[in-house]
Protein backbone atom coordinates (compact mmCIF):
# COMPACT_ATOMS: atom_id res chain seq x y z
CA MET A 1 101.58 44.24 130.07
CA ARG A 2 100.16 40.80 130.70
CA ILE A 3 96.91 39.16 129.63
CA PHE A 4 95.09 36.67 131.83
CA GLU A 5 92.20 34.67 130.39
CA ASN A 6 89.98 32.33 132.37
CA LEU A 7 88.49 29.65 130.10
CA ALA A 8 86.88 32.31 127.90
CA ASP A 9 84.82 33.68 130.82
CA LYS A 10 87.02 36.66 131.65
CA VAL A 11 90.00 38.52 130.26
CA ASN A 12 92.22 40.88 132.26
CA PHE A 13 94.96 43.14 130.93
CA VAL A 14 97.45 44.42 133.52
CA ASP A 15 100.29 46.88 132.90
CA GLU A 16 103.37 47.41 135.05
CA HIS A 17 101.69 50.29 136.93
CA ASN A 18 98.90 47.97 138.09
CA VAL A 19 96.38 49.49 135.68
CA VAL A 20 93.85 46.73 135.03
CA LEU A 21 91.25 46.33 132.31
CA GLY A 22 88.88 43.45 132.99
CA TYR A 23 86.08 42.21 130.76
CA ASP A 24 83.44 39.55 131.35
CA LEU A 25 83.22 37.26 128.30
CA GLY A 26 80.82 34.65 129.70
CA GLN A 27 78.06 34.24 127.14
CA CYS A 28 74.44 33.50 128.02
CA CYS A 29 72.68 33.02 124.70
CA CYS A 30 73.10 34.48 121.24
CA GLU A 31 75.28 37.51 121.99
CA HIS A 32 78.82 37.77 120.66
CA ALA A 33 81.26 39.29 123.17
CA THR A 34 85.01 39.36 122.63
CA TRP A 35 87.91 41.76 122.19
CA PHE A 36 90.48 42.72 119.59
CA ILE A 37 93.43 45.05 119.18
CA ALA A 38 93.91 47.44 116.26
CA GLU A 39 96.28 50.19 115.15
CA THR A 40 93.41 52.69 114.97
CA VAL A 41 90.09 53.25 116.69
CA ARG A 42 87.55 51.05 114.93
CA ASP A 43 83.79 51.29 115.09
CA ASP A 44 83.19 48.42 112.72
CA LEU A 45 83.60 44.75 113.37
CA LEU A 46 84.57 43.77 109.85
CA LEU A 47 87.67 42.03 111.07
CA ASP A 48 88.81 38.51 110.51
CA MET A 49 88.72 37.56 114.20
CA GLU A 50 90.70 34.36 113.65
CA GLU A 51 93.51 36.30 111.97
CA ASN A 52 93.35 38.97 114.67
CA HIS A 53 93.62 36.28 117.37
CA LYS A 54 96.73 34.81 115.71
CA TRP A 55 98.26 38.28 115.47
CA VAL A 56 97.46 39.05 119.14
CA MET A 57 99.09 35.78 120.24
CA GLN A 58 102.33 36.88 118.52
CA PHE A 59 102.15 40.48 119.79
CA ASP A 60 104.96 41.42 122.18
CA TRP A 61 103.01 42.80 125.15
CA ASP A 62 106.14 43.70 127.16
CA TYR A 63 106.37 47.31 128.35
CA TRP A 64 103.05 48.46 126.88
CA LEU A 65 101.14 50.84 129.17
CA PHE A 66 97.56 52.01 129.37
CA ASP A 67 96.71 55.63 128.64
CA LYS A 68 94.47 56.23 131.67
CA THR A 69 92.98 59.36 130.07
CA PHE A 70 91.72 57.71 126.88
CA PHE A 71 88.32 56.04 126.66
CA GLU A 72 85.78 55.92 123.86
CA GLU A 73 82.52 54.06 123.61
CA LYS A 74 80.83 53.54 120.30
CA GLY A 75 77.38 52.06 120.06
CA ASP A 76 75.07 50.18 118.39
CA CYS A 77 76.24 46.85 117.22
CA ASP A 78 72.85 45.11 117.16
CA ASN A 79 72.04 46.96 120.40
CA GLY A 80 75.56 46.40 121.70
CA ALA A 81 78.61 48.61 121.89
CA ILE A 82 82.38 48.86 121.65
CA ALA A 83 84.58 50.22 124.49
CA ILE A 84 88.03 51.37 123.36
CA PHE A 85 91.21 51.78 125.42
CA ARG A 86 94.59 53.10 124.25
CA ILE A 87 97.90 51.40 125.00
CA TYR A 88 101.28 52.88 124.14
CA LYS A 89 104.98 52.10 124.15
CA ASP A 90 107.60 54.63 123.12
CA ASP A 91 106.08 56.39 120.09
CA LYS A 92 103.74 53.53 119.14
CA GLU A 93 100.08 53.10 120.03
CA TYR A 94 97.38 50.47 119.69
CA PHE A 95 93.77 50.31 120.77
CA ILE A 96 92.13 47.49 122.71
CA HIS A 97 88.48 47.14 121.69
CA LEU A 98 85.98 45.31 123.89
CA TYR A 99 82.71 44.61 122.20
CA ASN A 100 79.39 42.88 122.45
CA CYS A 101 76.76 42.41 119.76
CA HIS A 102 73.45 41.23 121.17
CA ASN A 103 69.69 41.48 121.02
CA GLY A 104 69.41 43.90 123.92
CA TYR A 105 69.17 41.41 126.78
CA TYR A 106 72.72 40.26 127.52
CA GLY A 107 75.31 42.65 128.88
CA HIS A 108 79.00 42.14 129.55
CA GLY A 109 80.66 44.27 132.20
CA PHE A 110 84.08 45.86 132.14
CA ASP A 111 86.21 47.62 134.76
CA PHE A 112 89.23 49.87 134.20
CA THR A 113 91.09 50.49 137.46
CA VAL A 114 94.42 51.47 138.94
CA GLY A 115 94.86 49.77 142.28
CA LYS A 116 91.45 50.09 143.92
CA LYS A 117 90.59 53.36 142.14
CA LYS A 118 88.01 53.08 139.37
CA ILE A 119 88.88 54.94 136.18
CA GLN A 120 86.00 53.68 134.05
CA ASP A 121 83.41 50.92 134.14
CA GLY A 122 80.35 49.95 132.21
CA CYS A 123 78.39 47.27 130.45
CA LEU A 124 78.32 46.53 126.75
């Protein structure tokens, strides 16, 4: 799996089967949109994001694959939501969490596709 980030405006995760998870991070006002990875499904945002970012930068993303059948969405983070995707490698699993906390006006879109086929999409 590879991660491509574009000056904090977009992030794309791509596995070796061309499964792509893309998320729009471009902020407009006072919303807080980002992503994190965790060993379990989380519905809270009580994470030290700086520590999580350091951990993610050291994470070995090679050979991790998306579980195309797993998707959860948990809501209300100040009128926002969390979209959760499972990745796996051998007998290990992690969960990529996309989230946005906002005042109800600013949405951030995501797309989960394989090739040109949409698996899931939405706006947080």
